[in-house]
Amino acid sequence: MKKFITLAIAGIISVGNCVTVGAFGIPAFDRAPLAPISFELGEVMNWQGSNSSIVTQGATDGIQALHVNIPHHSTNSNAKLVVTPANKFVWQLGINTSIAATVTNPGTELIQLRAEIVDLRTNSAMTDFSIPAGTSMDIVLDPANPGAAKTVWGNGIDTSSIRSLKFYFPETSAMKNLTDASYIIDNIRLVQPPAVSTFPTTSFEASESNWHVTGAAPITQFVVTEAPTNVFAGIIDGTSALKITIPERQSDWEKVTKLHIIPEGQVWDMGDRTMITLSVTNDNDHALQLRANIADADKNTRMVYFSIPANANKEIVIGAEQLGTPGIHSERWFYDTEGYFGKGINKHKITTLEFFIAEPEVAVMEGINNFSYTIDNIRVK
């Protein structure tokens, strides 16, 4: 009798290539890798999505993609695209394997897309991704290393028994000013982690593509000169620099203008170098405070900030003190000068480097509604 009770209350047990459920260990689910899902004609797949349609725009693998439209905000975030394995199967992720998808934002406003992995025990891992207007980007869902600014964990994910993937807008907390929004998704697939790259110099030359700007209405422009060096124009390295103009200060953090340096999914290594440096030119008649968010593959996040005098050029140094000790929290916090906050960064596994003005914080640059700055020569030394 005791043996029968033990079997009767048995949960989910992994046996060989099967996941068994129930009182007598009846094989209920077989394991299989996630085959690429590109929404092509004749492709075998299981998905459900309200207000969705097959389109050719945004297709990156094959000729079709799925356009998901959210015509109005939901109060419970039920408008989801749900992708599941075939009946009686679960997906199994290999060692150091993640799930990726290509997402296009066809609209004119920044959107925030939430992706969720759910296993057979209903544990889930959720990751938020910000996608600029009119752009496509690869999002990477990694249960072991999400690599995103905001991740909500359940009880840990069993990567050998993934039961569903969900994509939706966090409508109750984000994009509150949008009455409708949409996204195009394609090429849901398995990927291996990216190779670690050495930290390249970013000087905003024509050949560089490792940066992009997001925000409500940022005005960006290359500052070009024939002279090899023009400090007054903000050009320190090469023949161009990037000027960012913010015509109206934003009160919503989701609309803050940000310059992103490291592409999504990449990992940069500083090697034996000890500091990140960059040149910033402030052409305003008031001091400017520039901030940087830095994150690493171990989910450490750090914010550093610097003051640039009016009508001046300054070399900013993010050195050992600003980078901190990996995983150890430290802070030096003074609004009107320079400081840092958060856990120290592993300089060999940097995944995020973004620059911004703290527009919603009225205590920072108080009373100033518009501003600009020119940035150049972001490098390690």
Protein backbone atom coordinates (compact mmCIF):
# COMPACT_ATOMS: atom_id res chain seq x y z
CA MET A 1 0.00 0.00 0.00
CA LYS A 2 2.83 2.36 0.88
CA LYS A 3 4.44 1.66 -2.50
CA PHE A 4 1.17 2.39 -4.29
CA ILE A 5 0.73 5.73 -2.49
CA THR A 6 4.30 6.70 -3.39
CA LEU A 7 3.59 6.03 -7.04
CA ALA A 8 0.24 7.78 -6.90
CA ILE A 9 1.67 11.04 -5.67
CA ALA A 10 4.71 10.93 -7.92
CA GLY A 11 5.25 14.17 -9.80
CA ILE A 12 7.05 14.66 -13.08
CA ILE A 13 9.92 12.20 -13.45
CA SER A 14 12.59 12.26 -16.12
CA VAL A 15 13.32 8.84 -17.64
CA GLY A 16 15.61 8.52 -20.67
CA ASN A 17 14.16 10.54 -23.54
CA CYS A 18 10.69 10.70 -22.02
CA VAL A 19 9.12 12.86 -19.34
CA THR A 20 6.62 10.75 -17.41
CA VAL A 21 3.61 11.96 -15.47
CA GLY A 22 1.08 10.40 -13.18
CA ALA A 23 0.51 7.48 -10.85
CA PHE A 24 2.07 4.72 -12.89
CA GLY A 25 4.80 6.53 -14.80
CA ILE A 26 2.95 6.44 -18.13
CA PRO A 27 5.12 8.14 -20.80
CA ALA A 28 3.22 11.34 -21.55
CA PHE A 29 5.79 13.59 -23.21
CA ASP A 30 8.74 12.89 -25.46
CA ARG A 31 11.67 15.27 -25.68
CA ALA A 32 12.60 17.01 -28.91
CA PRO A 33 14.70 20.03 -29.86
CA LEU A 34 12.86 23.16 -30.91
CA ALA A 35 12.73 23.12 -34.72
CA PRO A 36 12.89 26.60 -36.33
CA ILE A 37 9.49 28.30 -36.55
CA SER A 38 9.26 30.74 -39.44
CA PHE A 39 5.50 30.68 -40.16
CA GLU A 40 6.03 29.32 -43.66
CA LEU A 41 3.35 27.60 -45.73
CA GLY A 42 3.15 23.92 -44.82
CA GLU A 43 5.28 24.30 -41.69
CA VAL A 44 4.15 22.04 -38.86
CA MET A 45 3.74 24.16 -35.74
CA ASN A 46 1.40 24.84 -32.87
CA TRP A 47 0.67 28.47 -32.09
CA GLN A 48 -2.22 30.63 -30.99
CA GLY A 49 -2.34 34.40 -31.28
CA SER A 50 -5.27 36.77 -31.16
CA ASN A 51 -5.43 39.46 -33.86
CA SER A 52 -2.56 37.88 -35.78
CA SER A 53 -1.99 37.38 -39.49
CA ILE A 54 0.67 35.99 -41.81
CA VAL A 55 2.65 38.72 -43.61
CA THR A 56 5.75 39.03 -45.76
CA GLN A 57 7.01 42.22 -44.13
CA GLY A 58 9.62 41.48 -41.48
CA ALA A 59 10.35 37.97 -42.74
CA THR A 60 14.01 37.11 -42.06
CA ASP A 61 13.86 33.37 -42.66
CA GLY A 62 11.80 32.28 -45.65
CA ILE A 63 9.14 34.62 -47.03
CA GLN A 64 6.56 34.77 -44.23
CA ALA A 65 6.33 36.10 -40.68
CA LEU A 66 3.56 36.59 -38.12
CA HIS A 67 2.09 40.04 -37.47
CA VAL A 68 0.51 40.32 -34.00
CA ASN A 69 -1.68 43.36 -33.39
CA ILE A 70 -2.88 44.62 -30.01
CA PRO A 71 -5.73 46.98 -30.94
CA HIS A 72 -6.24 48.25 -27.39
CA HIS A 73 -4.72 47.86 -23.97
CA SER A 74 -5.76 44.85 -21.94
CA THR A 75 -6.08 45.06 -18.17
CA ASN A 76 -4.75 41.54 -17.63
CA SER A 77 -2.20 41.07 -20.45
CA ASN A 78 -4.16 38.18 -21.97
CA ALA A 79 -3.40 39.14 -25.58
CA LYS A 80 -0.56 36.70 -26.18
CA LEU A 81 1.14 34.69 -28.88
CA VAL A 82 1.63 31.20 -27.45
CA VAL A 83 3.87 28.70 -29.23
CA THR A 84 3.94 25.07 -28.07
CA PRO A 85 5.57 21.80 -29.15
CA ALA A 86 3.60 19.13 -30.97
CA ASN A 87 1.14 17.15 -28.90
CA LYS A 88 2.79 14.91 -26.28
CA PHE A 89 6.20 16.55 -26.79
CA VAL A 90 8.31 18.98 -24.81
CA TRP A 91 11.26 20.99 -26.05
CA GLN A 92 14.70 20.25 -24.71
CA LEU A 93 17.44 22.87 -24.72
CA GLY A 94 20.98 21.64 -25.15
CA ILE A 95 23.92 22.69 -23.01
CA ASN A 96 24.61 26.43 -23.36
CA THR A 97 21.67 26.76 -25.75
CA SER A 98 19.17 29.62 -25.81
CA ILE A 99 15.98 30.47 -27.70
CA ALA A 100 16.03 33.43 -30.08
CA ALA A 101 13.52 35.18 -32.32
CA THR A 102 13.61 38.09 -34.75
CA VAL A 103 11.12 40.83 -33.87
CA THR A 104 10.19 43.89 -35.94
CA ASN A 105 8.43 46.96 -34.57
CA PRO A 106 6.51 48.40 -37.56
CA GLY A 107 5.09 51.30 -35.56
CA THR A 108 6.25 54.83 -34.81
CA GLU A 109 6.70 54.39 -31.05
CA LEU A 110 9.07 52.32 -28.93
CA ILE A 111 7.45 49.06 -27.78
CA GLN A 112 8.27 46.72 -24.95
CA LEU A 113 7.81 43.02 -25.69
CA ARG A 114 7.79 40.41 -22.94
CA ALA A 115 8.93 36.86 -23.72
CA GLU A 116 8.21 34.02 -21.33
CA ILE A 117 9.50 30.44 -21.19
CA VAL A 118 7.25 27.96 -19.36
CA ASP A 119 8.27 24.42 -18.43
CA LEU A 120 6.17 21.32 -17.77
CA ARG A 121 5.89 22.21 -14.08
CA THR A 122 4.59 25.70 -15.06
CA ASN A 123 7.74 27.43 -13.80
CA SER A 124 8.48 30.44 -15.95
CA ALA A 125 11.20 32.95 -16.79
CA MET A 126 10.16 36.31 -18.24
CA THR A 127 12.38 38.83 -20.01
CA ASP A 128 11.45 42.30 -21.29
CA PHE A 129 12.89 43.69 -24.53
CA SER A 130 12.65 47.28 -25.78
CA ILE A 131 12.37 47.53 -29.56
CA PRO A 132 12.77 50.94 -31.23
CA ALA A 133 10.21 52.17 -33.77
CA GLY A 134 10.72 50.93 -37.31
CA THR A 135 13.51 48.50 -36.45
CA SER A 136 14.14 44.75 -36.31
CA MET A 137 16.23 43.02 -33.68
CA ASP A 138 17.04 39.55 -32.43
CA ILE A 139 15.86 38.82 -28.90
CA VAL A 140 17.52 36.02 -26.95
CA LEU A 141 15.74 34.09 -24.19
CA ASP A 142 18.29 32.40 -21.98
CA PRO A 143 16.98 30.73 -18.79
CA ALA A 144 20.48 30.52 -17.34
CA ASN A 145 21.54 34.05 -18.32
CA PRO A 146 18.72 36.36 -19.45
CA GLY A 147 21.00 39.33 -20.08
CA ALA A 148 18.18 41.84 -19.80
CA ALA A 149 17.58 44.78 -17.54
CA LYS A 150 14.34 43.38 -16.14
CA THR A 151 13.86 39.66 -15.57
CA VAL A 152 11.27 37.99 -13.35
CA TRP A 153 12.04 34.45 -12.26
CA GLY A 154 9.76 31.70 -11.04
CA ASN A 155 11.22 28.63 -9.36
CA GLY A 156 13.85 28.02 -12.02
CA ILE A 157 13.30 26.52 -15.46
CA ASP A 158 13.71 22.86 -16.34
CA THR A 159 15.41 23.28 -19.71
CA SER A 160 14.77 19.64 -20.59
CA SER A 161 10.98 20.06 -20.59
CA ILE A 162 9.89 23.38 -22.11
CA ARG A 163 6.16 23.33 -22.70
CA SER A 164 5.46 26.75 -24.21
CA LEU A 165 6.80 30.13 -25.30
CA LYS A 166 4.71 33.24 -24.80
CA PHE A 167 5.15 36.68 -26.35
CA TYR A 168 3.07 39.67 -25.22
CA PHE A 169 3.08 43.31 -24.15
CA PRO A 170 3.26 44.04 -20.40
CA GLU A 171 0.24 46.24 -20.95
CA THR A 172 -0.60 46.95 -17.32
CA SER A 173 2.83 48.44 -16.58
CA ALA A 174 4.34 49.67 -19.85
CA MET A 175 3.41 51.65 -22.97
CA LYS A 176 0.43 53.14 -21.15
CA ASN A 177 0.12 56.01 -23.60
CA LEU A 178 -0.32 53.76 -26.63
CA THR A 179 -3.88 52.88 -27.63
CA ASP A 180 -2.72 50.17 -30.05
CA ALA A 181 0.56 48.53 -30.99
CA SER A 182 1.87 45.58 -32.95
CA TYR A 183 4.95 43.51 -33.65
CA ILE A 184 6.13 41.10 -36.33
CA ILE A 185 7.88 37.93 -35.21
CA ASP A 186 9.85 35.40 -37.25
CA ASN A 187 12.53 32.72 -37.05
CA ILE A 188 12.01 31.39 -33.51
CA ARG A 189 15.01 29.11 -33.11
CA LEU A 190 17.74 27.64 -30.93
CA VAL A 191 21.05 29.51 -30.74
CA GLN A 192 24.40 29.01 -29.11
CA PRO A 193 25.81 31.77 -26.88
CA PRO A 194 27.76 34.44 -28.76
CA ALA A 195 31.49 34.38 -28.81
CA VAL A 196 33.13 36.91 -26.56
CA SER A 197 34.52 39.83 -28.57
CA THR A 198 37.33 42.14 -27.65
CA PHE A 199 36.14 45.65 -26.82
CA PRO A 200 36.29 47.61 -30.11
CA THR A 201 36.61 51.38 -30.35
CA THR A 202 33.41 53.22 -31.30
CA SER A 203 34.10 56.49 -33.13
CA PHE A 204 30.87 56.66 -35.18
CA GLU A 205 32.62 56.21 -38.49
CA ALA A 206 30.69 55.10 -41.57
CA SER A 207 31.90 51.50 -41.26
CA GLU A 208 30.64 51.02 -37.69
CA SER A 209 27.30 49.36 -36.91
CA ASN A 210 27.51 48.38 -33.25
CA TRP A 211 25.39 51.26 -31.91
CA HIS A 212 21.84 52.62 -32.08
CA VAL A 213 19.76 55.35 -30.41
CA THR A 214 16.30 54.95 -28.86
CA GLY A 215 13.93 57.51 -27.36
CA ALA A 216 10.78 59.56 -27.84
CA ALA A 217 12.09 62.02 -30.41
CA PRO A 218 15.88 62.09 -30.40
CA ILE A 219 17.63 64.07 -33.10
CA THR A 220 20.91 62.39 -33.98
CA GLN A 221 23.42 63.52 -36.52
CA PHE A 222 26.96 62.79 -37.58
CA VAL A 223 29.33 65.69 -37.13
CA VAL A 224 31.73 65.46 -40.04
CA THR A 225 34.85 67.42 -40.84
CA GLU A 226 37.71 66.98 -43.27
CA ALA A 227 40.21 67.74 -40.53
CA PRO A 228 41.48 64.65 -38.67
CA THR A 229 40.86 66.33 -35.31
CA ASN A 230 38.32 68.96 -34.37
CA VAL A 231 37.86 69.15 -30.62
CA PHE A 232 35.43 72.05 -30.84
CA ALA A 233 33.05 69.95 -32.96
CA GLY A 234 33.54 67.00 -30.63
CA ILE A 235 35.54 64.93 -33.11
CA ILE A 236 38.43 63.26 -31.32
CA ASP A 237 39.05 60.12 -33.36
CA GLY A 238 38.50 59.62 -37.08
CA THR A 239 36.48 62.07 -39.16
CA SER A 240 33.08 61.99 -37.44
CA ALA A 241 31.35 62.00 -34.08
CA LEU A 242 27.72 61.56 -32.97
CA LYS A 243 25.64 64.52 -31.86
CA ILE A 244 22.42 63.83 -29.98
CA THR A 245 19.85 66.59 -29.53
CA ILE A 246 16.93 66.19 -27.13
CA PRO A 247 14.39 68.91 -28.02
CA GLU A 248 12.02 68.19 -25.15
CA ARG A 249 12.76 66.66 -21.77
CA GLN A 250 10.72 63.53 -21.07
CA SER A 251 8.97 62.59 -17.81
CA ASP A 252 8.51 58.94 -18.81
CA TRP A 253 11.59 56.72 -18.33
CA GLU A 254 10.54 54.54 -21.28
CA LYS A 255 10.90 57.56 -23.59
CA VAL A 256 14.32 58.67 -22.38
CA THR A 257 16.84 58.99 -25.21
CA LYS A 258 19.58 56.35 -24.90
CA LEU A 259 22.67 55.60 -26.92
CA HIS A 260 23.26 51.82 -26.95
CA ILE A 261 26.79 50.71 -27.81
CA ILE A 262 26.84 46.89 -27.52
CA PRO A 263 24.41 45.07 -29.88
CA GLU A 264 21.81 42.80 -28.30
CA GLY A 265 23.24 39.36 -27.52
CA GLN A 266 26.91 40.30 -27.77
CA VAL A 267 29.50 40.00 -24.99
CA TRP A 268 32.52 42.32 -24.92
CA ASP A 269 35.79 41.68 -23.09
CA MET A 270 38.07 44.47 -21.89
CA GLY A 271 41.00 42.06 -21.69
CA ASP A 272 43.88 43.48 -19.67
CA ARG A 273 42.60 47.05 -20.07
CA THR A 274 41.38 48.71 -16.88
CA MET A 275 39.13 51.58 -18.00
CA ILE A 276 36.53 52.65 -20.54
CA THR A 277 37.06 56.19 -21.82
CA LEU A 278 35.04 58.46 -24.07
CA SER A 279 35.01 62.08 -25.17
CA VAL A 280 31.91 64.20 -24.56
CA THR A 281 31.41 67.76 -25.79
CA ASN A 282 28.78 69.89 -24.04
CA ASP A 283 27.74 72.77 -26.32
CA ASN A 284 25.05 74.00 -23.93
CA ASP A 285 25.32 77.09 -21.74
CA HIS A 286 24.77 74.94 -18.67
CA ALA A 287 26.47 71.92 -17.11
CA LEU A 288 25.37 68.52 -18.33
CA GLN A 289 25.10 65.28 -16.40
CA LEU A 290 25.61 62.16 -18.52
CA ARG A 291 24.90 58.69 -17.14
CA ALA A 292 25.87 55.21 -18.27
CA ASN A 293 24.24 51.86 -17.52
CA ILE A 294 26.63 48.90 -17.61
CA ALA A 295 25.70 45.22 -17.23
CA ASP A 296 27.53 41.93 -17.53
CA ALA A 297 26.65 38.34 -18.38
CA ASP A 298 26.46 37.50 -14.65
CA LYS A 299 23.49 39.89 -14.31
CA ASN A 300 25.45 42.53 -12.40
CA THR A 301 24.22 46.05 -13.19
CA ARG A 302 25.98 49.34 -12.54
CA MET A 303 25.07 52.97 -13.13
CA VAL A 304 27.77 55.65 -13.32
CA TYR A 305 27.38 59.36 -13.96
CA PHE A 306 29.53 62.35 -14.82
CA SER A 307 29.25 66.14 -14.98
CA ILE A 308 30.45 68.02 -18.07
CA PRO A 309 30.89 71.81 -17.73
CA ALA A 310 29.09 74.21 -20.06
CA ASN A 311 30.68 74.78 -23.47
CA ALA A 312 33.46 72.31 -22.80
CA ASN A 313 34.94 69.03 -23.95
CA LYS A 314 35.75 66.36 -21.36
CA GLU A 315 37.30 62.91 -21.43
CA ILE A 316 35.18 60.65 -19.23
CA VAL A 317 36.93 57.76 -17.51
CA ILE A 318 35.04 54.71 -16.25
CA GLY A 319 37.88 53.20 -14.26
CA ALA A 320 38.36 50.53 -11.61
CA GLU A 321 36.40 52.47 -8.97
CA GLN A 322 33.44 53.04 -11.29
CA LEU A 323 33.44 49.43 -12.57
CA GLY A 324 33.69 48.10 -9.01
CA THR A 325 34.33 44.57 -7.81
CA PRO A 326 32.25 42.01 -9.76
CA GLY A 327 29.09 41.10 -7.87
CA ILE A 328 29.80 43.42 -4.91
CA HIS A 329 27.49 46.38 -4.32
CA SER A 330 29.08 49.78 -3.76
CA GLU A 331 27.91 53.33 -4.25
CA ARG A 332 28.97 56.95 -4.27
CA TRP A 333 25.87 59.01 -4.85
CA PHE A 334 25.87 62.80 -5.28
CA TYR A 335 23.32 64.20 -7.70
CA ASP A 336 25.24 67.29 -8.73
CA THR A 337 28.73 65.81 -9.14
CA GLU A 338 29.92 62.34 -10.17
CA GLY A 339 29.29 58.89 -8.79
CA TYR A 340 28.16 55.30 -9.23
CA PHE A 341 25.63 52.82 -7.89
CA GLY A 342 25.03 49.04 -8.06
CA LYS A 343 26.99 45.81 -8.27
CA GLY A 344 30.48 45.72 -9.69
CA ILE A 345 30.91 44.61 -13.31
CA ASN A 346 32.90 41.68 -14.68
CA LYS A 347 35.00 43.51 -17.28
CA HIS A 348 35.48 40.32 -19.29
CA LYS A 349 31.74 39.79 -19.89
CA ILE A 350 30.13 43.16 -20.59
CA THR A 351 26.72 42.87 -22.29
CA THR A 352 25.31 46.39 -21.93
CA LEU A 353 26.78 49.87 -22.28
CA GLU A 354 24.27 52.69 -22.76
CA PHE A 355 24.46 56.45 -22.25
CA PHE A 356 21.59 58.78 -21.32
CA ILE A 357 20.43 61.91 -19.50
CA ALA A 358 18.22 61.33 -16.45
CA GLU A 359 15.39 63.33 -18.01
CA PRO A 360 12.58 62.40 -15.55
CA GLU A 361 14.65 63.31 -12.48
CA VAL A 362 13.80 66.98 -11.92
CA ALA A 363 16.61 67.39 -9.37
CA VAL A 364 19.15 66.71 -12.13
CA MET A 365 19.77 69.75 -14.38
CA GLU A 366 16.73 71.37 -12.78
CA GLY A 367 14.76 73.78 -14.96
CA ILE A 368 16.49 72.74 -18.19
CA ASN A 369 14.11 71.40 -20.82
CA ASN A 370 16.28 70.74 -23.88
CA PHE A 371 19.93 69.94 -24.44
CA SER A 372 22.44 68.25 -26.71
CA TYR A 373 25.83 66.61 -26.54
CA THR A 374 28.42 65.15 -28.91
CA ILE A 375 30.12 61.85 -28.11
CA ASP A 376 33.16 60.20 -29.69
CA ASN A 377 36.02 57.73 -29.23
CA ILE A 378 34.50 55.19 -26.84
CA ARG A 379 37.32 52.74 -26.13
CA VAL A 380 39.22 50.80 -23.48
CA LYS A 381 42.76 51.55 -22.34
